[in-house]
PDB file of N, CA and C in Angstrom:
ATOM      1  N   MET A   1      26.388  38.334 -56.463  1.00  0.00           N
ATOM      2  CA  MET A   1      26.763  37.401 -55.400  1.00  0.00           C
ATOM      3  C   MET A   1      25.527  36.677 -55.068  1.00  0.00           C
ATOM      4  N   SER A   2      25.605  35.257 -54.871  1.00  0.00           N
ATOM      5  CA  SER A   2      24.438  34.706 -54.598  1.00  0.00           C
ATOM      6  C   SER A   2      24.632  34.063 -53.101  1.00  0.00           C
ATOM      7  N   ALA A   3      23.617  34.055 -52.360  1.00  0.00           N
ATOM      8  CA  ALA A   3      23.586  33.680 -51.130  1.00  0.00           C
ATOM      9  C   ALA A   3      23.369  32.164 -50.906  1.00  0.00           C
ATOM     10  N   ILE A   4      24.047  31.517 -50.128  1.00  0.00           N
ATOM     11  CA  ILE A   4      23.979  30.046 -49.953  1.00  0.00           C
ATOM     12  C   ILE A   4      23.110  29.728 -48.595  1.00  0.00           C
ATOM     13  N   ALA A   5      22.090  29.054 -48.844  1.00  0.00           N
ATOM     14  CA  ALA A   5      21.223  28.568 -47.569  1.00  0.00           C
ATOM     15  C   ALA A   5      21.676  27.316 -46.899  1.00  0.00           C
ATOM     16  N   VAL A   6      22.103  27.402 -45.787  1.00  0.00           N
ATOM     17  CA  VAL A   6      22.640  26.458 -44.803  1.00  0.00           C
ATOM     18  C   VAL A   6      21.438  26.083 -43.923  1.00  0.00           C
ATOM     19  N   GLN A   7      21.295  24.827 -43.797  1.00  0.00           N
ATOM     20  CA  GLN A   7      20.140  24.384 -43.017  1.00  0.00           C
ATOM     21  C   GLN A   7      20.916  23.726 -41.792  1.00  0.00           C
ATOM     22  N   LEU A   8      20.582  24.075 -40.649  1.00  0.00           N
ATOM     23  CA  LEU A   8      21.235  23.672 -39.432  1.00  0.00           C
ATOM     24  C   LEU A   8      20.230  22.659 -39.005  1.00  0.00           C
ATOM     25  N   PRO A   9      20.973  21.496 -38.288  1.00  0.00           N
ATOM     26  CA  PRO A   9      20.039  20.392 -37.653  1.00  0.00           C
ATOM     27  C   PRO A   9      19.137  20.993 -36.548  1.00  0.00           C
ATOM     28  N   ALA A  10      18.029  20.345 -36.410  1.00  0.00           N
ATOM     29  CA  ALA A  10      17.187  20.877 -35.154  1.00  0.00           C
ATOM     30  C   ALA A  10      17.696  20.378 -33.855  1.00  0.00           C
ATOM     31  N   PRO A  11      17.621  21.213 -32.621  1.00  0.00           N
ATOM     32  CA  PRO A  11      18.290  20.836 -31.572  1.00  0.00           C
ATOM     33  C   PRO A  11      17.688  19.468 -31.206  1.00  0.00           C
ATOM     34  N   ARG A  12      18.542  18.681 -30.506  1.00  0.00           N
ATOM     35  CA  ARG A  12      18.025  17.481 -30.183  1.00  0.00           C
ATOM     36  C   ARG A  12      17.465  17.470 -28.678  1.00  0.00           C
ATOM     37  N   THR A  13      16.240  16.786 -28.607  1.00  0.00           N
ATOM     38  CA  THR A  13      15.596  16.882 -27.198  1.00  0.00           C
ATOM     39  C   THR A  13      16.539  16.071 -26.188  1.00  0.00           C
ATOM     40  N   SER A  14      16.437  16.175 -25.042  1.00  0.00           N
ATOM     41  CA  SER A  14      17.083  15.594 -23.887  1.00  0.00           C
ATOM     42  C   SER A  14      16.754  14.142 -23.836  1.00  0.00           C
ATOM     43  N   MET A  15      17.854  13.481 -23.554  1.00  0.00           N
ATOM     44  CA  MET A  15      17.597  11.835 -23.251  1.00  0.00           C
ATOM     45  C   MET A  15      17.303  11.709 -21.966  1.00  0.00           C
ATOM     46  N   LEU A  16      15.944  11.184 -21.464  1.00  0.00           N
ATOM     47  CA  LEU A  16      15.746  10.915 -20.181  1.00  0.00           C
ATOM     48  C   LEU A  16      16.300   9.533 -19.860  1.00  0.00           C
ATOM     49  N   VAL A  17      16.959   9.422 -18.609  1.00  0.00           N
ATOM     50  CA  VAL A  17      17.274   8.336 -18.139  1.00  0.00           C
ATOM     51  C   VAL A  17      16.578   7.908 -16.636  1.00  0.00           C
ATOM     52  N   ARG A  18      16.576   6.634 -16.524  1.00  0.00           N
ATOM     53  CA  ARG A  18      15.779   6.038 -15.182  1.00  0.00           C
ATOM     54  C   ARG A  18      16.963   5.956 -14.217  1.00  0.00           C
ATOM     55  N   ARG A  19      16.870   6.541 -13.010  1.00  0.00           N
ATOM     56  CA  ARG A  19      17.868   6.353 -12.075  1.00  0.00           C
ATOM     57  C   ARG A  19      17.283   6.079 -10.532  1.00  0.00           C
ATOM     58  N   ARG A  20      17.894   5.211 -10.089  1.00  0.00           N
ATOM     59  CA  ARG A  20      17.341   4.948  -8.561  1.00  0.00           C
ATOM     60  C   ARG A  20      18.322   5.631  -7.620  1.00  0.00           C
ATOM     61  N   ILE A  21      17.594   6.218  -6.637  1.00  0.00           N
ATOM     62  CA  ILE A  21      18.245   7.079  -5.620  1.00  0.00           C
ATOM     63  C   ILE A  21      17.896   6.620  -4.373  1.00  0.00           C
ATOM     64  N   ALA A  22      18.731   6.652  -3.352  1.00  0.00           N
ATOM     65  CA  ALA A  22      18.427   6.463  -1.933  1.00  0.00           C
ATOM     66  C   ALA A  22      19.009   7.735  -1.225  1.00  0.00           C
ATOM     67  N   THR A  23      17.887   8.148  -0.396  1.00  0.00           N
ATOM     68  CA  THR A  23      18.010   9.197   0.441  1.00  0.00           C
ATOM     69  C   THR A  23      17.816   9.097   1.941  1.00  0.00           C
ATOM     70  N   TYR A  24      18.837   9.316   2.765  1.00  0.00           N
ATOM     71  CA  TYR A  24      18.791   8.890   4.267  1.00  0.00           C
ATOM     72  C   TYR A  24      18.505  10.167   4.806  1.00  0.00           C
ATOM     73  N   PHE A  25      17.472  10.400   5.726  1.00  0.00           N
ATOM     74  CA  PHE A  25      17.204  11.605   6.283  1.00  0.00           C
ATOM     75  C   PHE A  25      16.630  11.411   7.805  1.00  0.00           C
ATOM     76  N   VAL A  26      16.702  12.464   8.526  1.00  0.00           N
ATOM     77  CA  VAL A  26      16.253  12.500   9.915  1.00  0.00           C
ATOM     78  C   VAL A  26      14.971  13.356  10.215  1.00  0.00           C
ATOM     79  N   GLY A  27      14.107  13.194  11.023  1.00  0.00           N
ATOM     80  CA  GLY A  27      13.034  13.990  11.269  1.00  0.00           C
ATOM     81  C   GLY A  27      11.687  13.280  11.029  1.00  0.00           C
ATOM     82  N   GLY A  28      11.753  12.079  10.650  1.00  0.00           N
ATOM     83  CA  GLY A  28      10.609  11.181  10.578  1.00  0.00           C
ATOM     84  C   GLY A  28       9.459  11.546   9.372  1.00  0.00           C
ATOM     85  N   VAL A  29       8.361  11.216   9.626  1.00  0.00           N
ATOM     86  CA  VAL A  29       7.444  11.258   8.591  1.00  0.00           C
ATOM     87  C   VAL A  29       7.059  12.807   8.252  1.00  0.00           C
ATOM     88  N   ASP A  30       7.355  13.684   9.163  1.00  0.00           N
ATOM     89  CA  ASP A  30       7.209  15.259   8.736  1.00  0.00           C
ATOM     90  C   ASP A  30       8.086  15.688   7.663  1.00  0.00           C
ATOM     91  N   GLN A  31       9.286  14.909   7.450  1.00  0.00           N
ATOM     92  CA  GLN A  31      10.073  15.389   6.358  1.00  0.00           C
ATOM     93  C   GLN A  31       9.602  14.880   4.819  1.00  0.00           C
ATOM     94  N   ILE A  32       8.758  14.085   4.747  1.00  0.00           N
ATOM     95  CA  ILE A  32       8.454  13.253   3.505  1.00  0.00           C
ATOM     96  C   ILE A  32       7.972  14.478   2.410  1.00  0.00           C
ATOM     97  N   PRO A  33       6.927  15.315   2.801  1.00  0.00           N
ATOM     98  CA  PRO A  33       6.507  16.200   1.774  1.00  0.00           C
ATOM     99  C   PRO A  33       7.653  17.026   1.227  1.00  0.00           C
ATOM    100  N   GLY A  34       8.478  17.675   1.834  1.00  0.00           N
ATOM    101  CA  GLY A  34       9.655  18.211   1.466  1.00  0.00           C
ATOM    102  C   GLY A  34      10.572  17.460   0.536  1.00  0.00           C
ATOM    103  N   LEU A  35      10.805  16.175   0.780  1.00  0.00           N
ATOM    104  CA  LEU A  35      11.585  15.369   0.017  1.00  0.00           C
ATOM    105  C   LEU A  35      11.192  15.094  -1.056  1.00  0.00           C
ATOM    106  N   VAL A  36       9.778  14.920  -1.305  1.00  0.00           N
ATOM    107  CA  VAL A  36       9.127  14.438  -2.527  1.00  0.00           C
ATOM    108  C   VAL A  36       9.056  15.727  -3.430  1.00  0.00           C
ATOM    109  N   GLU A  37       8.884  16.838  -2.821  1.00  0.00           N
ATOM    110  CA  GLU A  37       8.777  18.111  -3.428  1.00  0.00           C
ATOM    111  C   GLU A  37      10.166  18.609  -4.316  1.00  0.00           C
ATOM    112  N   ALA A  38      11.252  18.155  -3.328  1.00  0.00           N
ATOM    113  CA  ALA A  38      12.499  18.423  -3.952  1.00  0.00           C
ATOM    114  C   ALA A  38      12.996  17.498  -5.170  1.00  0.00           C
ATOM    115  N   LEU A  39      12.231  16.361  -5.308  1.00  0.00           N
ATOM    116  CA  LEU A  39      12.504  15.633  -6.517  1.00  0.00           C
ATOM    117  C   LEU A  39      12.374  16.238  -7.563  1.00  0.00           C
ATOM    118  N   GLY A  40      11.167  16.914  -7.868  1.00  0.00           N
ATOM    119  CA  GLY A  40      10.892  17.809  -8.948  1.00  0.00           C
ATOM    120  C   GLY A  40      10.748  17.107 -10.267  1.00  0.00           C
ATOM    121  N   CYS A  41      10.825  15.792 -10.311  1.00  0.00           N
ATOM    122  CA  CYS A  41      10.808  15.190 -11.631  1.00  0.00           C
ATOM    123  C   CYS A  41       9.840  14.012 -11.675  1.00  0.00           C
ATOM    124  N   LEU A  42       9.781  13.257 -12.887  1.00  0.00           N
ATOM    125  CA  LEU A  42       8.747  12.086 -12.807  1.00  0.00           C
ATOM    126  C   LEU A  42       9.259  11.033 -11.989  1.00  0.00           C
ATOM    127  N   VAL A  43       8.593  10.499 -10.844  1.00  0.00           N
ATOM    128  CA  VAL A  43       8.865   9.552 -10.049  1.00  0.00           C
ATOM    129  C   VAL A  43       7.947   8.289 -10.377  1.00  0.00           C
ATOM    130  N   HIS A  44       8.964   7.077 -10.774  1.00  0.00           N
ATOM    131  CA  HIS A  44       8.090   5.919 -11.168  1.00  0.00           C
ATOM    132  C   HIS A  44       7.719   4.978 -10.077  1.00  0.00           C
ATOM    133  N   ASP A  45       8.529   5.003  -8.862  1.00  0.00           N
ATOM    134  CA  ASP A  45       8.512   4.250  -7.656  1.00  0.00           C
ATOM    135  C   ASP A  45       9.006   4.867  -6.683  1.00  0.00           C
ATOM    136  N   LEU A  46       8.383   4.953  -5.366  1.00  0.00           N
ATOM    137  CA  LEU A  46       8.801   5.540  -4.217  1.00  0.00           C
ATOM    138  C   LEU A  46       8.472   4.906  -3.202  1.00  0.00           C
ATOM    139  N   SER A  47       9.326   4.507  -2.109  1.00  0.00           N
ATOM    140  CA  SER A  47       9.186   3.890  -0.853  1.00  0.00           C
ATOM    141  C   SER A  47       9.571   4.760   0.344  1.00  0.00           C
ATOM    142  N   VAL A  48       9.140   4.723   1.305  1.00  0.00           N
ATOM    143  CA  VAL A  48       9.866   5.343   2.478  1.00  0.00           C
ATOM    144  C   VAL A  48       9.817   4.516   3.636  1.00  0.00           C
ATOM    145  N   ASP A  49      10.958   4.280   4.393  1.00  0.00           N
ATOM    146  CA  ASP A  49      10.939   3.471   5.590  1.00  0.00           C
ATOM    147  C   ASP A  49      11.275   4.336   6.666  1.00  0.00           C
ATOM    148  N   VAL A  50      10.270   4.386   7.685  1.00  0.00           N
ATOM    149  CA  VAL A  50      10.473   5.308   8.842  1.00  0.00           C
ATOM    150  C   VAL A  50      10.087   4.376  10.184  1.00  0.00           C
ATOM    151  N   ARG A  51      11.058   4.215  10.996  1.00  0.00           N
ATOM    152  CA  ARG A  51      10.946   3.273  12.311  1.00  0.00           C
ATOM    153  C   ARG A  51      11.080   3.937  13.436  1.00  0.00           C
ATOM    154  N   ASP A  52      10.292   3.622  14.342  1.00  0.00           N
ATOM    155  CA  ASP A  52      10.385   4.376  15.680  1.00  0.00           C
ATOM    156  C   ASP A  52      11.736   3.653  16.292  1.00  0.00           C
ATOM    157  N   GLY A  53      12.328   4.447  16.917  1.00  0.00           N
ATOM    158  CA  GLY A  53      13.617   4.391  17.585  1.00  0.00           C
ATOM    159  C   GLY A  53      14.934   4.268  16.703  1.00  0.00           C
ATOM    160  N   VAL A  54      14.681   4.472  15.536  1.00  0.00           N
ATOM    161  CA  VAL A  54      15.946   4.452  14.606  1.00  0.00           C
ATOM    162  C   VAL A  54      16.100   5.870  14.034  1.00  0.00           C
ATOM    163  N   ARG A  55      17.157   6.577  14.326  1.00  0.00           N
ATOM    164  CA  ARG A  55      17.542   7.794  14.100  1.00  0.00           C
ATOM    165  C   ARG A  55      17.305   8.279  12.596  1.00  0.00           C
ATOM    166  N   GLU A  56      17.724   7.391  11.600  1.00  0.00           N
ATOM    167  CA  GLU A  56      17.779   7.706  10.202  1.00  0.00           C
ATOM    168  C   GLU A  56      16.610   6.999   9.545  1.00  0.00           C
ATOM    169  N   SER A  57      15.874   7.804   8.588  1.00  0.00           N
ATOM    170  CA  SER A  57      14.783   6.913   7.867  1.00  0.00           C
ATOM    171  C   SER A  57      15.395   6.917   6.398  1.00  0.00           C
ATOM    172  N   THR A  58      14.835   6.218   5.570  1.00  0.00           N
ATOM    173  CA  THR A  58      15.292   5.957   4.140  1.00  0.00           C
ATOM    174  C   THR A  58      14.165   6.111   3.067  1.00  0.00           C
ATOM    175  N   MET A  59      14.279   6.987   2.067  1.00  0.00           N
ATOM    176  CA  MET A  59      13.488   7.213   0.888  1.00  0.00           C
ATOM    177  C   MET A  59      14.232   6.537  -0.393  1.00  0.00           C
ATOM    178  N   THR A  60      13.596   5.723  -0.984  1.00  0.00           N
ATOM    179  CA  THR A  60      14.300   5.293  -2.218  1.00  0.00           C
ATOM    180  C   THR A  60      13.281   5.335  -3.374  1.00  0.00           C
ATOM    181  N   CYS A  61      13.711   5.941  -4.302  1.00  0.00           N
ATOM    182  CA  CYS A  61      12.751   6.060  -5.474  1.00  0.00           C
ATOM    183  C   CYS A  61      13.575   5.864  -6.773  1.00  0.00           C
ATOM    184  N   ALA A  62      12.694   5.608  -7.978  1.00  0.00           N
ATOM    185  CA  ALA A  62      13.109   5.672  -9.336  1.00  0.00           C
ATOM    186  C   ALA A  62      12.606   6.916 -10.030  1.00  0.00           C
ATOM    187  N   VAL A  63      13.464   7.503 -10.653  1.00  0.00           N
ATOM    188  CA  VAL A  63      13.126   8.826 -11.237  1.00  0.00           C
ATOM    189  C   VAL A  63      13.315   8.673 -12.796  1.00  0.00           C
ATOM    190  N   LEU A  64      12.615   9.540 -13.536  1.00  0.00           N
ATOM    191  CA  LEU A  64      12.820   9.653 -14.991  1.00  0.00           C
ATOM    192  C   LEU A  64      13.379  10.991 -15.287  1.00  0.00           C
ATOM    193  N   ILE A  65      14.590  11.305 -15.468  1.00  0.00           N
ATOM    194  CA  ILE A  65      15.266  12.633 -15.522  1.00  0.00           C
ATOM    195  C   ILE A  65      16.091  12.610 -16.720  1.00  0.00           C
ATOM    196  N   ASP A  66      16.535  13.964 -17.044  1.00  0.00           N
ATOM    197  CA  ASP A  66      17.659  14.179 -18.126  1.00  0.00           C
ATOM    198  C   ASP A  66      18.817  13.895 -17.184  1.00  0.00           C
ATOM    199  N   ALA A  67      19.640  13.302 -18.054  1.00  0.00           N
ATOM    200  CA  ALA A  67      21.094  12.827 -17.686  1.00  0.00           C
ATOM    201  C   ALA A  67      21.793  13.908 -16.777  1.00  0.00           C
ATOM    202  N   ALA A  68      21.594  15.154 -17.366  1.00  0.00           N
ATOM    203  CA  ALA A  68      22.474  16.334 -16.961  1.00  0.00           C
ATOM    204  C   ALA A  68      21.996  16.752 -15.609  1.00  0.00           C
ATOM    205  N   GLU A  69      20.562  16.310 -15.298  1.00  0.00           N
ATOM    206  CA  GLU A  69      19.842  16.855 -14.061  1.00  0.00           C
ATOM    207  C   GLU A  69      20.264  15.887 -12.770  1.00  0.00           C
ATOM    208  N   VAL A  70      20.873  14.734 -13.074  1.00  0.00           N
ATOM    209  CA  VAL A  70      21.105  13.719 -11.956  1.00  0.00           C
ATOM    210  C   VAL A  70      21.751  14.446 -10.842  1.00  0.00           C
ATOM    211  N   GLU A  71      22.864  15.020 -11.088  1.00  0.00           N
ATOM    212  CA  GLU A  71      23.655  15.696 -10.066  1.00  0.00           C
ATOM    213  C   GLU A  71      23.117  16.746  -9.471  1.00  0.00           C
ATOM    214  N   PRO A  72      22.522  17.656 -10.164  1.00  0.00           N
ATOM    215  CA  PRO A  72      21.770  18.748  -9.502  1.00  0.00           C
ATOM    216  C   PRO A  72      20.476  18.300  -8.475  1.00  0.00           C
ATOM    217  N   LEU A  73      20.046  17.325  -9.119  1.00  0.00           N
ATOM    218  CA  LEU A  73      18.979  16.728  -8.183  1.00  0.00           C
ATOM    219  C   LEU A  73      19.534  16.163  -6.816  1.00  0.00           C
ATOM    220  N   LEU A  74      20.526  15.478  -6.871  1.00  0.00           N
ATOM    221  CA  LEU A  74      21.197  14.905  -5.743  1.00  0.00           C
ATOM    222  C   LEU A  74      21.637  16.019  -5.016  1.00  0.00           C
ATOM    223  N   GLU A  75      22.302  17.044  -5.520  1.00  0.00           N
ATOM    224  CA  GLU A  75      22.816  18.044  -4.546  1.00  0.00           C
ATOM    225  C   GLU A  75      21.744  18.975  -3.907  1.00  0.00           C
ATOM    226  N   ARG A  76      20.490  18.916  -4.697  1.00  0.00           N
ATOM    227  CA  ARG A  76      19.323  19.681  -4.124  1.00  0.00           C
ATOM    228  C   ARG A  76      18.703  18.992  -2.846  1.00  0.00           C
ATOM    229  N   LEU A  77      18.620  17.586  -3.108  1.00  0.00           N
ATOM    230  CA  LEU A  77      18.426  16.743  -1.773  1.00  0.00           C
ATOM    231  C   LEU A  77      19.360  16.807  -0.617  1.00  0.00           C
ATOM    232  N   ARG A  78      20.533  16.845  -1.031  1.00  0.00           N
ATOM    233  CA  ARG A  78      21.543  16.858   0.028  1.00  0.00           C
ATOM    234  C   ARG A  78      21.446  18.260   0.569  1.00  0.00           C
ATOM    235  N   GLY A  79      20.966  19.301   0.007  1.00  0.00           N
ATOM    236  CA  GLY A  79      20.926  20.541   0.464  1.00  0.00           C
ATOM    237  C   GLY A  79      19.890  20.697   1.521  1.00  0.00           C
ATOM    238  N   LEU A  80      18.978  19.826   1.763  1.00  0.00           N
ATOM    239  CA  LEU A  80      17.834  19.767   2.613  1.00  0.00           C
ATOM    240  C   LEU A  80      18.315  19.631   4.109  1.00  0.00           C
ATOM    241  N   PRO A  81      17.800  20.367   4.933  1.00  0.00           N
ATOM    242  CA  PRO A  81      18.479  20.331   6.410  1.00  0.00           C
ATOM    243  C   PRO A  81      18.275  18.951   7.030  1.00  0.00           C
ATOM    244  N   SER A  82      17.260  18.023   6.473  1.00  0.00           N
ATOM    245  CA  SER A  82      16.885  16.756   7.121  1.00  0.00           C
ATOM    246  C   SER A  82      17.793  15.726   6.411  1.00  0.00           C
ATOM    247  N   VAL A  83      18.274  15.991   5.329  1.00  0.00           N
ATOM    248  CA  VAL A  83      18.914  14.797   4.793  1.00  0.00           C
ATOM    249  C   VAL A  83      20.558  14.859   5.134  1.00  0.00           C
ATOM    250  N   VAL A  84      20.644  13.437   5.449  1.00  0.00           N
ATOM    251  CA  VAL A  84      22.036  12.998   5.934  1.00  0.00           C
ATOM    252  C   VAL A  84      22.848  12.651   4.427  1.00  0.00           C
ATOM    253  N   SER A  85      22.306  11.990   3.542  1.00  0.00           N
ATOM    254  CA  SER A  85      22.887  11.632   2.478  1.00  0.00           C
ATOM    255  C   SER A  85      21.867  11.296   1.307  1.00  0.00           C
ATOM    256  N   SER A  86      22.346  11.494   0.187  1.00  0.00           N
ATOM    257  CA  SER A  86      21.501  11.175  -1.049  1.00  0.00           C
ATOM    258  C   SER A  86      22.651  10.606  -2.141  1.00  0.00           C
ATOM    259  N   GLU A  87      22.271   9.359  -2.603  1.00  0.00           N
ATOM    260  CA  GLU A  87      23.187   8.669  -3.617  1.00  0.00           C
ATOM    261  C   GLU A  87      22.246   7.942  -4.553  1.00  0.00           C
ATOM    262  N   LEU A  88      23.102   7.542  -5.844  1.00  0.00           N
ATOM    263  CA  LEU A  88      22.424   6.581  -6.792  1.00  0.00           C
ATOM    264  C   LEU A  88      22.929   5.380  -6.162  1.00  0.00           C
ATOM    265  N   VAL A  89      21.877   4.443  -6.577  1.00  0.00           N
ATOM    266  CA  VAL A  89      22.084   3.030  -6.006  1.00  0.00           C
ATOM    267  C   VAL A  89      21.694   2.126  -7.251  1.00  0.00           C
TER     268      VAL A  89
END
């Protein structure tokens, strides 16, 4: 009986995608380090708008992330106590 060698294809590496995310939060500048830490991926562009007298502040960013990780990232941001909402833009 002879053995047949079967060569399996190598696993494909994940395809990274660039996504823009807008996150609205309360608590002012004190919340920024936690928001940035929650991103946990390669950030290309980040801007934060915090204004006196305005309840909500905004963080917008462009991230390079595996397509399958986009929703978990948004859920992670939404799970922070200071976050009002976080969405793709």
